[in-house]
Amino acid sequence: MTWFPATVVLVSPALPAVLPAAAWRALRGAEQVYAATDVPEATRVALDVKTAPSPEELTGQRGVVLVAASPAEPGAAALIAAGATVVDAPVPPLVRAAEVMDRLRSPGGCPWDAAQTHESLRQYLVEETYELLDAIEGGDRAAMREELGDVLLQVLFHARVAAEHADEPFDIDAVADDLVTKLVGRHPHVFTDAERVHTAEHQQVRWEELKQAEKQRESIMDGVAMGQPAVALAGKLGQRTGRSGVPFDLLPPGNTEGEKLFRIAAAARRAGVDPEGALRSVAKAFAEQVRTAERSARAAGFEPATLDADGWRRFWPT
């Protein structure tokens, strides 16, 4: 079988043990197979190949296959310059995103990215989440795609920062592995021969039961994010207590504005309505009514800032 003088097989730095399918034909026909200096030792051992000699020696051999992580690695660069065939492993976009984040955070990357901490990134996680909510509520598919990417960036960023922790490091693979374990464990009806779940409502109840058992929580309040917006928090507390049989008359009974708001939000969530989303929808509609009235006033020659109550009523959209 005749081959090009040499072949360079490029593997992803994030997945160095995964070779592209097209590489196997070259490996089978090679006279010598080497691992470049940028390939992890575990991968070299798994392939049962030698560490590559000098670039000069490599380019003097025929039928050579070099497995490398980067085309800039000296041996790979020399072979490529000499006309070697390059077989590149396609890198999944999610893996590529993690590689880019790692590059930005590493020495020689971006100084701003390198300076960030979990604490400094908190504001961006909140901002990007609300921007995604705006895109969803506006039905803007292009914006939704972009904002989902920005939220994913926050996950990648926090996982990359976490990998540098001195005492309890973890990376994006650990995050994904935990997620897979959780999803499989909380859907036994899908991944095992457990009792079937036929409705979304049944699955929601089952999810909470499995979560409670899994985390060995002592209170139905455990796991509620107390830092979430107040209306959402009241709704979540109403939902949790409703599922546990806490009667509505035990909710805060007073007549202060806060107590009344709490009861409304809690009741809405128990009825299956997201109070945060419902209130946001009304608030955004009201904001648009204000803008419409302002435009109407200006069109009629009035400055909105000078309008009194009757003036606002005159230009208010009907």
C-alpha atoms as a PDB file:
ATOM      1  CA  MET A   1       0.000   0.000   0.000  1.00  0.00           C
ATOM      2  CA  THR A   2       1.448   3.376  -0.969  1.00  0.00           C
ATOM      3  CA  TRP A   3       1.163   6.361   1.368  1.00  0.00           C
ATOM      4  CA  PHE A   4       2.319   9.952   1.392  1.00  0.00           C
ATOM      5  CA  PRO A   5       5.821  10.359   2.833  1.00  0.00           C
ATOM      6  CA  ALA A   6       4.330  11.167   6.255  1.00  0.00           C
ATOM      7  CA  THR A   7       1.034  11.778   8.004  1.00  0.00           C
ATOM      8  CA  VAL A   8       0.331  14.087  10.924  1.00  0.00           C
ATOM      9  CA  VAL A   9      -2.696  13.093  13.005  1.00  0.00           C
ATOM     10  CA  LEU A  10      -3.961  16.028  15.035  1.00  0.00           C
ATOM     11  CA  VAL A  11      -5.956  15.271  18.174  1.00  0.00           C
ATOM     12  CA  SER A  12      -7.866  17.747  20.299  1.00  0.00           C
ATOM     13  CA  PRO A  13      -5.966  18.907  23.418  1.00  0.00           C
ATOM     14  CA  ALA A  14      -9.215  18.415  25.321  1.00  0.00           C
ATOM     15  CA  LEU A  15      -9.739  14.895  23.899  1.00  0.00           C
ATOM     16  CA  PRO A  16      -6.209  13.605  23.275  1.00  0.00           C
ATOM     17  CA  ALA A  17      -7.297   9.958  23.507  1.00  0.00           C
ATOM     18  CA  VAL A  18      -9.813  10.335  20.664  1.00  0.00           C
ATOM     19  CA  LEU A  19      -8.347   9.808  17.199  1.00  0.00           C
ATOM     20  CA  PRO A  20     -10.237  10.730  14.008  1.00  0.00           C
ATOM     21  CA  ALA A  21     -11.601   7.733  12.124  1.00  0.00           C
ATOM     22  CA  ALA A  22      -9.557   8.659   9.045  1.00  0.00           C
ATOM     23  CA  ALA A  23      -6.357   8.227  11.066  1.00  0.00           C
ATOM     24  CA  TRP A  24      -6.715   4.474  11.449  1.00  0.00           C
ATOM     25  CA  ARG A  25      -5.983   3.763   7.791  1.00  0.00           C
ATOM     26  CA  ALA A  26      -2.761   5.756   8.040  1.00  0.00           C
ATOM     27  CA  LEU A  27      -1.805   4.043  11.290  1.00  0.00           C
ATOM     28  CA  ARG A  28      -2.285   0.592   9.787  1.00  0.00           C
ATOM     29  CA  GLY A  29      -0.072   1.404   6.805  1.00  0.00           C
ATOM     30  CA  ALA A  30       2.632   3.275   8.705  1.00  0.00           C
ATOM     31  CA  GLU A  31       6.200   2.087   8.983  1.00  0.00           C
ATOM     32  CA  GLN A  32       6.706   4.111  12.159  1.00  0.00           C
ATOM     33  CA  VAL A  33       4.195   5.759  14.498  1.00  0.00           C
ATOM     34  CA  TYR A  34       5.272   8.384  17.008  1.00  0.00           C
ATOM     35  CA  ALA A  35       3.623  10.614  19.598  1.00  0.00           C
ATOM     36  CA  ALA A  36       4.644  14.254  19.638  1.00  0.00           C
ATOM     37  CA  THR A  37       5.858  15.959  22.771  1.00  0.00           C
ATOM     38  CA  ASP A  38       2.512  17.735  23.265  1.00  0.00           C
ATOM     39  CA  VAL A  39       0.548  14.469  23.471  1.00  0.00           C
ATOM     40  CA  PRO A  40      -0.141  13.237  27.032  1.00  0.00           C
ATOM     41  CA  GLU A  41       1.877  10.259  28.205  1.00  0.00           C
ATOM     42  CA  ALA A  42      -1.319   8.270  28.803  1.00  0.00           C
ATOM     43  CA  THR A  43      -2.259   8.625  25.142  1.00  0.00           C
ATOM     44  CA  ARG A  44       1.229   7.606  24.003  1.00  0.00           C
ATOM     45  CA  VAL A  45       1.125   4.530  26.199  1.00  0.00           C
ATOM     46  CA  ALA A  46      -2.387   3.601  25.005  1.00  0.00           C
ATOM     47  CA  LEU A  47      -1.196   3.796  21.388  1.00  0.00           C
ATOM     48  CA  ASP A  48       1.927   1.808  22.334  1.00  0.00           C
ATOM     49  CA  VAL A  49       4.193   4.130  20.345  1.00  0.00           C
ATOM     50  CA  LYS A  50       7.478   5.893  20.923  1.00  0.00           C
ATOM     51  CA  THR A  51       8.006   9.566  21.664  1.00  0.00           C
ATOM     52  CA  ALA A  52       8.922  11.345  18.449  1.00  0.00           C
ATOM     53  CA  PRO A  53      12.585  11.953  17.661  1.00  0.00           C
ATOM     54  CA  SER A  54      13.897  15.328  16.524  1.00  0.00           C
ATOM     55  CA  PRO A  55      12.161  17.130  13.645  1.00  0.00           C
ATOM     56  CA  GLU A  56      15.213  16.543  11.474  1.00  0.00           C
ATOM     57  CA  GLU A  57      15.061  12.790  12.038  1.00  0.00           C
ATOM     58  CA  LEU A  58      11.313  12.710  11.495  1.00  0.00           C
ATOM     59  CA  THR A  59      11.498  14.413   8.121  1.00  0.00           C
ATOM     60  CA  GLY A  60      14.189  11.962   7.022  1.00  0.00           C
ATOM     61  CA  GLN A  61      11.904   8.956   7.413  1.00  0.00           C
ATOM     62  CA  ARG A  62       9.201   7.641   5.085  1.00  0.00           C
ATOM     63  CA  GLY A  63       5.877   6.147   6.083  1.00  0.00           C
ATOM     64  CA  VAL A  64       5.873   8.054   9.372  1.00  0.00           C
ATOM     65  CA  VAL A  65       2.707   8.881  11.292  1.00  0.00           C
ATOM     66  CA  LEU A  66       3.010  11.507  14.025  1.00  0.00           C
ATOM     67  CA  VAL A  67       0.192  11.979  16.509  1.00  0.00           C
ATOM     68  CA  ALA A  68       0.240  15.564  17.783  1.00  0.00           C
ATOM     69  CA  ALA A  69      -2.069  17.986  19.575  1.00  0.00           C
ATOM     70  CA  SER A  70      -1.055  21.064  17.599  1.00  0.00           C
ATOM     71  CA  PRO A  71       0.245  21.726  14.084  1.00  0.00           C
ATOM     72  CA  ALA A  72       2.677  24.181  15.720  1.00  0.00           C
ATOM     73  CA  GLU A  73       4.456  21.401  17.644  1.00  0.00           C
ATOM     74  CA  PRO A  74       8.022  21.356  16.187  1.00  0.00           C
ATOM     75  CA  GLY A  75       7.872  17.814  14.795  1.00  0.00           C
ATOM     76  CA  ALA A  76       4.393  18.302  13.363  1.00  0.00           C
ATOM     77  CA  ALA A  77       5.339  21.677  11.882  1.00  0.00           C
ATOM     78  CA  ALA A  78       8.417  20.184  10.219  1.00  0.00           C
ATOM     79  CA  LEU A  79       6.481  17.296   8.686  1.00  0.00           C
ATOM     80  CA  ILE A  80       3.685  19.568   7.476  1.00  0.00           C
ATOM     81  CA  ALA A  81       6.246  21.906   5.889  1.00  0.00           C
ATOM     82  CA  ALA A  82       7.731  18.871   4.136  1.00  0.00           C
ATOM     83  CA  GLY A  83       4.357  18.001   2.598  1.00  0.00           C
ATOM     84  CA  ALA A  84       2.882  15.571   5.122  1.00  0.00           C
ATOM     85  CA  THR A  85      -0.800  14.718   4.936  1.00  0.00           C
ATOM     86  CA  VAL A  86      -2.742  16.200   7.834  1.00  0.00           C
ATOM     87  CA  VAL A  87      -5.616  14.248   9.382  1.00  0.00           C
ATOM     88  CA  ASP A  88      -7.483  16.492  11.783  1.00  0.00           C
ATOM     89  CA  ALA A  89      -9.930  15.308  14.444  1.00  0.00           C
ATOM     90  CA  PRO A  90     -13.198  17.240  14.211  1.00  0.00           C
ATOM     91  CA  VAL A  91     -13.662  18.995  17.527  1.00  0.00           C
ATOM     92  CA  PRO A  92     -17.267  19.213  18.823  1.00  0.00           C
ATOM     93  CA  PRO A  93     -18.268  22.863  19.305  1.00  0.00           C
ATOM     94  CA  LEU A  94     -18.797  22.370  23.061  1.00  0.00           C
ATOM     95  CA  VAL A  95     -15.267  20.991  23.394  1.00  0.00           C
ATOM     96  CA  ARG A  96     -13.940  23.855  21.280  1.00  0.00           C
ATOM     97  CA  ALA A  97     -15.719  26.341  23.548  1.00  0.00           C
ATOM     98  CA  ALA A  98     -14.019  24.804  26.592  1.00  0.00           C
ATOM     99  CA  GLU A  99     -10.654  24.972  24.801  1.00  0.00           C
ATOM    100  CA  VAL A 100     -11.162  28.653  23.975  1.00  0.00           C
ATOM    101  CA  MET A 101     -12.105  29.406  27.585  1.00  0.00           C
ATOM    102  CA  ASP A 102      -9.018  27.575  28.786  1.00  0.00           C
ATOM    103  CA  ARG A 103      -6.826  29.566  26.385  1.00  0.00           C
ATOM    104  CA  LEU A 104      -8.299  32.872  27.526  1.00  0.00           C
ATOM    105  CA  ARG A 105      -7.689  31.992  31.166  1.00  0.00           C
ATOM    106  CA  SER A 106      -4.173  30.575  30.724  1.00  0.00           C
ATOM    107  CA  PRO A 107      -0.866  32.514  30.778  1.00  0.00           C
ATOM    108  CA  GLY A 108      -0.558  34.523  27.595  1.00  0.00           C
ATOM    109  CA  GLY A 109      -4.336  34.727  27.242  1.00  0.00           C
ATOM    110  CA  CYS A 110      -6.609  37.610  28.201  1.00  0.00           C
ATOM    111  CA  PRO A 111      -5.601  39.632  31.297  1.00  0.00           C
ATOM    112  CA  TRP A 112      -9.237  40.473  32.096  1.00  0.00           C
ATOM    113  CA  ASP A 113     -10.341  36.844  31.927  1.00  0.00           C
ATOM    114  CA  ALA A 114      -7.377  35.777  34.038  1.00  0.00           C
ATOM    115  CA  ALA A 115      -8.296  38.266  36.776  1.00  0.00           C
ATOM    116  CA  GLN A 116     -11.883  37.103  37.275  1.00  0.00           C
ATOM    117  CA  THR A 117     -13.163  35.161  40.284  1.00  0.00           C
ATOM    118  CA  HIS A 118     -16.447  33.443  41.105  1.00  0.00           C
ATOM    119  CA  GLU A 119     -17.425  36.570  43.028  1.00  0.00           C
ATOM    120  CA  SER A 120     -16.565  39.047  40.271  1.00  0.00           C
ATOM    121  CA  LEU A 121     -18.497  36.997  37.713  1.00  0.00           C
ATOM    122  CA  ARG A 122     -21.754  36.901  39.686  1.00  0.00           C
ATOM    123  CA  GLN A 123     -23.152  40.092  38.168  1.00  0.00           C
ATOM    124  CA  TYR A 124     -22.631  38.794  34.630  1.00  0.00           C
ATOM    125  CA  LEU A 125     -24.446  35.533  35.365  1.00  0.00           C
ATOM    126  CA  VAL A 126     -27.481  37.498  36.536  1.00  0.00           C
ATOM    127  CA  GLU A 127     -27.319  39.964  33.630  1.00  0.00           C
ATOM    128  CA  GLU A 128     -26.967  37.274  30.967  1.00  0.00           C
ATOM    129  CA  THR A 129     -29.834  35.270  32.469  1.00  0.00           C
ATOM    130  CA  TYR A 130     -32.169  38.259  32.282  1.00  0.00           C
ATOM    131  CA  GLU A 131     -31.061  39.039  28.737  1.00  0.00           C
ATOM    132  CA  LEU A 132     -31.957  35.461  27.805  1.00  0.00           C
ATOM    133  CA  LEU A 133     -35.356  35.904  29.463  1.00  0.00           C
ATOM    134  CA  ASP A 134     -35.932  39.038  27.380  1.00  0.00           C
ATOM    135  CA  ALA A 135     -35.086  37.138  24.191  1.00  0.00           C
ATOM    136  CA  ILE A 136     -37.451  34.293  25.123  1.00  0.00           C
ATOM    137  CA  GLU A 137     -40.287  36.658  26.014  1.00  0.00           C
ATOM    138  CA  GLY A 138     -39.719  38.627  22.813  1.00  0.00           C
ATOM    139  CA  GLY A 139     -39.746  35.487  20.678  1.00  0.00           C
ATOM    140  CA  ASP A 140     -36.451  36.567  19.094  1.00  0.00           C
ATOM    141  CA  ARG A 141     -34.820  33.306  17.968  1.00  0.00           C
ATOM    142  CA  ALA A 142     -31.533  34.896  16.877  1.00  0.00           C
ATOM    143  CA  ALA A 143     -31.196  36.756  20.179  1.00  0.00           C
ATOM    144  CA  MET A 144     -32.137  33.602  22.091  1.00  0.00           C
ATOM    145  CA  ARG A 145     -29.344  31.671  20.392  1.00  0.00           C
ATOM    146  CA  GLU A 146     -26.841  34.404  21.207  1.00  0.00           C
ATOM    147  CA  GLU A 147     -27.950  34.784  24.819  1.00  0.00           C
ATOM    148  CA  LEU A 148     -27.889  31.021  25.399  1.00  0.00           C
ATOM    149  CA  GLY A 149     -24.256  31.203  24.299  1.00  0.00           C
ATOM    150  CA  ASP A 150     -23.603  33.965  26.823  1.00  0.00           C
ATOM    151  CA  VAL A 151     -25.164  31.879  29.604  1.00  0.00           C
ATOM    152  CA  LEU A 152     -23.060  28.890  28.504  1.00  0.00           C
ATOM    153  CA  LEU A 153     -20.002  31.135  28.703  1.00  0.00           C
ATOM    154  CA  GLN A 154     -20.767  31.782  32.364  1.00  0.00           C
ATOM    155  CA  VAL A 155     -20.880  28.021  33.045  1.00  0.00           C
ATOM    156  CA  LEU A 156     -17.590  27.463  31.202  1.00  0.00           C
ATOM    157  CA  PHE A 157     -15.995  30.452  32.938  1.00  0.00           C
ATOM    158  CA  HIS A 158     -16.972  29.371  36.456  1.00  0.00           C
ATOM    159  CA  ALA A 159     -15.859  25.792  35.783  1.00  0.00           C
ATOM    160  CA  ARG A 160     -12.488  27.020  34.492  1.00  0.00           C
ATOM    161  CA  VAL A 161     -11.997  29.203  37.579  1.00  0.00           C
ATOM    162  CA  ALA A 162     -13.010  26.262  39.772  1.00  0.00           C
ATOM    163  CA  ALA A 163     -10.317  24.087  38.177  1.00  0.00           C
ATOM    164  CA  GLU A 164      -7.700  26.359  39.730  1.00  0.00           C
ATOM    165  CA  HIS A 165      -9.019  26.033  43.295  1.00  0.00           C
ATOM    166  CA  ALA A 166      -6.282  24.864  45.633  1.00  0.00           C
ATOM    167  CA  ASP A 167      -8.318  22.561  47.864  1.00  0.00           C
ATOM    168  CA  GLU A 168     -11.422  21.459  45.947  1.00  0.00           C
ATOM    169  CA  PRO A 169     -10.806  21.840  42.210  1.00  0.00           C
ATOM    170  CA  PHE A 170     -13.287  20.652  39.602  1.00  0.00           C
ATOM    171  CA  ASP A 171     -13.631  21.270  35.879  1.00  0.00           C
ATOM    172  CA  ILE A 172     -16.324  21.384  33.213  1.00  0.00           C
ATOM    173  CA  ASP A 173     -16.148  17.595  32.763  1.00  0.00           C
ATOM    174  CA  ALA A 174     -16.939  17.110  36.459  1.00  0.00           C
ATOM    175  CA  VAL A 175     -19.850  19.526  36.144  1.00  0.00           C
ATOM    176  CA  ALA A 176     -21.207  17.657  33.118  1.00  0.00           C
ATOM    177  CA  ASP A 177     -20.676  14.278  34.788  1.00  0.00           C
ATOM    178  CA  ASP A 178     -22.610  15.380  37.878  1.00  0.00           C
ATOM    179  CA  LEU A 179     -25.405  16.645  35.638  1.00  0.00           C
ATOM    180  CA  VAL A 180     -25.635  13.344  33.768  1.00  0.00           C
ATOM    181  CA  THR A 181     -25.728  11.439  37.064  1.00  0.00           C
ATOM    182  CA  LYS A 182     -28.514  13.691  38.336  1.00  0.00           C
ATOM    183  CA  LEU A 183     -30.621  13.472  35.180  1.00  0.00           C
ATOM    184  CA  VAL A 184     -30.325   9.701  34.967  1.00  0.00           C
ATOM    185  CA  GLY A 185     -30.952   9.245  38.690  1.00  0.00           C
ATOM    186  CA  ARG A 186     -34.066  11.405  38.666  1.00  0.00           C
ATOM    187  CA  HIS A 187     -35.550   9.731  35.606  1.00  0.00           C
ATOM    188  CA  PRO A 188     -35.520   6.059  36.629  1.00  0.00           C
ATOM    189  CA  HIS A 189     -38.638   5.512  34.510  1.00  0.00           C
ATOM    190  CA  VAL A 190     -36.572   6.412  31.436  1.00  0.00           C
ATOM    191  CA  PHE A 191     -33.219   4.790  32.182  1.00  0.00           C
ATOM    192  CA  THR A 192     -34.282   1.765  34.251  1.00  0.00           C
ATOM    193  CA  ASP A 193     -37.307  -0.498  34.522  1.00  0.00           C
ATOM    194  CA  ALA A 194     -38.857   1.612  37.280  1.00  0.00           C
ATOM    195  CA  GLU A 195     -42.558   2.461  37.378  1.00  0.00           C
ATOM    196  CA  ARG A 196     -43.620   4.440  34.330  1.00  0.00           C
ATOM    197  CA  VAL A 197     -44.432   8.152  34.575  1.00  0.00           C
ATOM    198  CA  HIS A 198     -47.246   9.139  32.234  1.00  0.00           C
ATOM    199  CA  THR A 199     -47.802  12.837  32.951  1.00  0.00           C
ATOM    200  CA  ALA A 200     -45.643  15.928  33.436  1.00  0.00           C
ATOM    201  CA  GLU A 201     -47.343  16.555  36.784  1.00  0.00           C
ATOM    202  CA  HIS A 202     -46.487  13.068  38.031  1.00  0.00           C
ATOM    203  CA  GLN A 203     -42.867  13.526  36.918  1.00  0.00           C
ATOM    204  CA  GLN A 204     -42.613  16.867  38.746  1.00  0.00           C
ATOM    205  CA  VAL A 205     -43.805  15.291  41.985  1.00  0.00           C
ATOM    206  CA  ARG A 206     -41.489  12.309  41.485  1.00  0.00           C
ATOM    207  CA  TRP A 207     -38.533  14.643  40.788  1.00  0.00           C
ATOM    208  CA  GLU A 208     -39.048  16.419  44.101  1.00  0.00           C
ATOM    209  CA  GLU A 209     -39.376  13.115  45.966  1.00  0.00           C
ATOM    210  CA  LEU A 210     -36.146  11.794  44.477  1.00  0.00           C
ATOM    211  CA  LYS A 211     -34.369  15.096  45.150  1.00  0.00           C
ATOM    212  CA  GLN A 212     -35.496  15.045  48.780  1.00  0.00           C
ATOM    213  CA  ALA A 213     -34.237  11.494  49.252  1.00  0.00           C
ATOM    214  CA  GLU A 214     -31.014  12.089  47.340  1.00  0.00           C
ATOM    215  CA  LYS A 215     -29.987  15.193  49.242  1.00  0.00           C
ATOM    216  CA  GLN A 216     -31.333  13.936  52.586  1.00  0.00           C
ATOM    217  CA  ARG A 217     -32.874  17.329  53.286  1.00  0.00           C
ATOM    218  CA  GLU A 218     -34.282  18.006  56.719  1.00  0.00           C
ATOM    219  CA  SER A 219     -36.680  20.732  55.625  1.00  0.00           C
ATOM    220  CA  ILE A 220     -38.853  21.405  52.603  1.00  0.00           C
ATOM    221  CA  MET A 221     -37.206  24.836  52.620  1.00  0.00           C
ATOM    222  CA  ASP A 222     -33.753  23.372  51.982  1.00  0.00           C
ATOM    223  CA  GLY A 223     -32.519  24.105  48.492  1.00  0.00           C
ATOM    224  CA  VAL A 224     -34.697  27.183  47.920  1.00  0.00           C
ATOM    225  CA  ALA A 225     -32.529  30.011  46.562  1.00  0.00           C
ATOM    226  CA  MET A 226     -33.264  32.834  48.986  1.00  0.00           C
ATOM    227  CA  GLY A 227     -31.404  35.324  46.786  1.00  0.00           C
ATOM    228  CA  GLN A 228     -33.849  35.113  43.885  1.00  0.00           C
ATOM    229  CA  PRO A 229     -36.230  37.997  43.111  1.00  0.00           C
ATOM    230  CA  ALA A 230     -38.861  38.449  45.821  1.00  0.00           C
ATOM    231  CA  VAL A 231     -41.903  37.550  43.715  1.00  0.00           C
ATOM    232  CA  ALA A 232     -40.186  34.420  42.413  1.00  0.00           C
ATOM    233  CA  LEU A 233     -39.115  33.522  45.958  1.00  0.00           C
ATOM    234  CA  ALA A 234     -42.653  33.905  47.306  1.00  0.00           C
ATOM    235  CA  GLY A 235     -43.965  31.770  44.465  1.00  0.00           C
ATOM    236  CA  LYS A 236     -41.370  29.061  45.085  1.00  0.00           C
ATOM    237  CA  LEU A 237     -42.161  28.983  48.800  1.00  0.00           C
ATOM    238  CA  GLY A 238     -45.856  28.764  47.987  1.00  0.00           C
ATOM    239  CA  GLN A 239     -45.218  25.868  45.607  1.00  0.00           C
ATOM    240  CA  ARG A 240     -42.989  23.952  48.043  1.00  0.00           C
ATOM    241  CA  THR A 241     -45.376  24.332  50.966  1.00  0.00           C
ATOM    242  CA  GLY A 242     -48.392  23.514  48.800  1.00  0.00           C
ATOM    243  CA  ARG A 243     -46.844  20.223  47.703  1.00  0.00           C
ATOM    244  CA  SER A 244     -46.213  19.354  51.339  1.00  0.00           C
ATOM    245  CA  GLY A 245     -49.793  20.040  52.389  1.00  0.00           C
ATOM    246  CA  VAL A 246     -49.218  23.315  54.244  1.00  0.00           C
ATOM    247  CA  PRO A 247     -52.676  24.978  54.112  1.00  0.00           C
ATOM    248  CA  PHE A 248     -53.083  28.383  52.519  1.00  0.00           C
ATOM    249  CA  ASP A 249     -54.388  29.923  55.749  1.00  0.00           C
ATOM    250  CA  LEU A 250     -50.961  29.437  57.352  1.00  0.00           C
ATOM    251  CA  LEU A 251     -49.311  31.804  54.863  1.00  0.00           C
ATOM    252  CA  PRO A 252     -48.515  35.289  56.240  1.00  0.00           C
ATOM    253  CA  PRO A 253     -51.969  36.615  57.174  1.00  0.00           C
ATOM    254  CA  GLY A 254     -51.330  40.350  57.615  1.00  0.00           C
ATOM    255  CA  ASN A 255     -52.496  43.253  55.482  1.00  0.00           C
ATOM    256  CA  THR A 256     -49.197  44.973  54.809  1.00  0.00           C
ATOM    257  CA  GLU A 257     -48.383  45.381  51.138  1.00  0.00           C
ATOM    258  CA  GLY A 258     -45.585  42.822  51.443  1.00  0.00           C
ATOM    259  CA  GLU A 259     -47.835  40.229  53.064  1.00  0.00           C
ATOM    260  CA  LYS A 260     -50.540  40.714  50.455  1.00  0.00           C
ATOM    261  CA  LEU A 261     -47.986  40.453  47.655  1.00  0.00           C
ATOM    262  CA  PHE A 262     -46.605  37.262  49.185  1.00  0.00           C
ATOM    263  CA  ARG A 263     -50.028  35.626  49.291  1.00  0.00           C
ATOM    264  CA  ILE A 264     -50.776  36.615  45.686  1.00  0.00           C
ATOM    265  CA  ALA A 265     -47.446  35.242  44.444  1.00  0.00           C
ATOM    266  CA  ALA A 266     -47.717  32.046  46.504  1.00  0.00           C
ATOM    267  CA  ALA A 267     -51.294  31.452  45.355  1.00  0.00           C
ATOM    268  CA  ALA A 268     -50.334  32.016  41.718  1.00  0.00           C
ATOM    269  CA  ARG A 269     -47.551  29.429  41.868  1.00  0.00           C
ATOM    270  CA  ARG A 270     -49.816  26.913  43.585  1.00  0.00           C
ATOM    271  CA  ALA A 271     -52.258  27.439  40.720  1.00  0.00           C
ATOM    272  CA  GLY A 272     -49.526  26.680  38.187  1.00  0.00           C
ATOM    273  CA  VAL A 273     -48.797  30.300  37.192  1.00  0.00           C
ATOM    274  CA  ASP A 274     -45.245  31.662  37.321  1.00  0.00           C
ATOM    275  CA  PRO A 275     -45.793  34.904  39.290  1.00  0.00           C
ATOM    276  CA  GLU A 276     -42.425  36.361  38.287  1.00  0.00           C
ATOM    277  CA  GLY A 277     -43.097  35.824  34.603  1.00  0.00           C
ATOM    278  CA  ALA A 278     -46.699  37.004  34.878  1.00  0.00           C
ATOM    279  CA  LEU A 279     -45.693  40.191  36.671  1.00  0.00           C
ATOM    280  CA  ARG A 280     -42.848  40.833  34.212  1.00  0.00           C
ATOM    281  CA  SER A 281     -45.286  40.467  31.309  1.00  0.00           C
ATOM    282  CA  VAL A 282     -47.693  43.022  32.797  1.00  0.00           C
ATOM    283  CA  ALA A 283     -44.830  45.371  33.696  1.00  0.00           C
ATOM    284  CA  LYS A 284     -43.396  45.252  30.160  1.00  0.00           C
ATOM    285  CA  ALA A 285     -46.833  45.843  28.650  1.00  0.00           C
ATOM    286  CA  PHE A 286     -47.305  48.831  30.951  1.00  0.00           C
ATOM    287  CA  ALA A 287     -43.892  50.219  29.964  1.00  0.00           C
ATOM    288  CA  GLU A 288     -44.894  50.002  26.307  1.00  0.00           C
ATOM    289  CA  GLN A 289     -48.158  51.846  27.066  1.00  0.00           C
ATOM    290  CA  VAL A 290     -46.129  54.658  28.649  1.00  0.00           C
ATOM    291  CA  ARG A 291     -43.891  54.861  25.573  1.00  0.00           C
ATOM    292  CA  THR A 292     -46.922  54.934  23.286  1.00  0.00           C
ATOM    293  CA  ALA A 293     -48.506  57.776  25.282  1.00  0.00           C
ATOM    294  CA  GLU A 294     -45.225  59.707  25.166  1.00  0.00           C
ATOM    295  CA  ARG A 295     -45.009  59.333  21.394  1.00  0.00           C
ATOM    296  CA  SER A 296     -48.620  60.458  21.023  1.00  0.00           C
ATOM    297  CA  ALA A 297     -48.004  63.504  23.203  1.00  0.00           C
ATOM    298  CA  ARG A 298     -44.929  64.535  21.251  1.00  0.00           C
ATOM    299  CA  ALA A 299     -46.798  64.064  17.966  1.00  0.00           C
ATOM    300  CA  ALA A 300     -49.437  66.483  19.306  1.00  0.00           C
ATOM    301  CA  GLY A 301     -46.782  69.025  20.298  1.00  0.00           C
ATOM    302  CA  PHE A 302     -46.603  68.285  24.030  1.00  0.00           C
ATOM    303  CA  GLU A 303     -43.523  67.369  26.062  1.00  0.00           C
ATOM    304  CA  PRO A 304     -44.383  64.275  28.147  1.00  0.00           C
ATOM    305  CA  ALA A 305     -42.557  65.648  31.190  1.00  0.00           C
ATOM    306  CA  THR A 306     -45.135  68.485  31.378  1.00  0.00           C
ATOM    307  CA  LEU A 307     -48.238  66.275  31.285  1.00  0.00           C
ATOM    308  CA  ASP A 308     -50.566  66.220  34.265  1.00  0.00           C
ATOM    309  CA  ALA A 309     -52.975  63.394  35.107  1.00  0.00           C
ATOM    310  CA  ASP A 310     -55.556  64.508  32.551  1.00  0.00           C
ATOM    311  CA  GLY A 311     -52.838  64.905  29.945  1.00  0.00           C
ATOM    312  CA  TRP A 312     -51.667  61.337  30.462  1.00  0.00           C
ATOM    313  CA  ARG A 313     -55.247  60.108  30.231  1.00  0.00           C
ATOM    314  CA  ARG A 314     -55.708  62.027  26.978  1.00  0.00           C
ATOM    315  CA  PHE A 315     -52.792  60.301  25.258  1.00  0.00           C
ATOM    316  CA  TRP A 316     -53.033  56.915  26.966  1.00  0.00           C
ATOM    317  CA  PRO A 317     -53.528  54.111  24.413  1.00  0.00           C
ATOM    318  CA  THR A 318     -56.855  52.336  24.500  1.00  0.00           C
END
